[in-house]
Amino acid sequence: MTSVELGRDLRVILDAAGFGAYDSEALDVRVRTRGPQGTAATTGQKHGPAGTQGWAAEPPDAERIADLDVITGREAVAQALVLRLLTPRGSLAALGHATYGSRLGELIGENKTDALRGLCRAYILEAVREEPRVEQKPLAIAFDVEREPLTAFVVQIVVQPVAGGDPVALGLEVTL
């Protein structure tokens, strides 16, 4: 199984498991440094403010350049599913993708009940069924009731890529 079989996409979220970023730049671009001779220095380290956790100080003579970042394989599958779940179903109809997205946004403003949890599960199943990179039925959909605030469902979804290999798991908080 190759990464190409699982897809290749532009990175639009920081990683499949989280959405945190210090600014929007980290969501869709890769920042690299270019050495003083014009050669790209791609050390794999993130550069940013010195002392910021997870960031390394930039060399003093480095030039920062931004480039689109590409993800492949399991990471691309996870991102595709997260984006589908977060996009309101039908919002891309004008672009020819009438069934893309999920109905999770319809839960906003509703009171949290077991029936609503069931509806959330149904909307997740519906969205997973439409994602061509994963098997139509998730391996698991589990709600973490212990971690849920009063105004959200916390759910973990495990899917099997159609290209085979290890399952892909992702967590999502569905705010009501």
Foldseek 3Di string as FASTA:
>chain_A
DDQVLLHKDWFQALFLADRDDPDNLSRWKAKWKAALVRHTDPPVQADDDPPPPRHHHDDPRIDIDIDTDMDTHLRVNSVQLVVQAPDDQQPCVVVVRNGGHWPLVVCPPPFDDVVVVVVNVVRSLSNCLPDQQWPSGWPDKDWDVVPDDRFWTKIKTWTATPVGDDIHIYIDIRGD
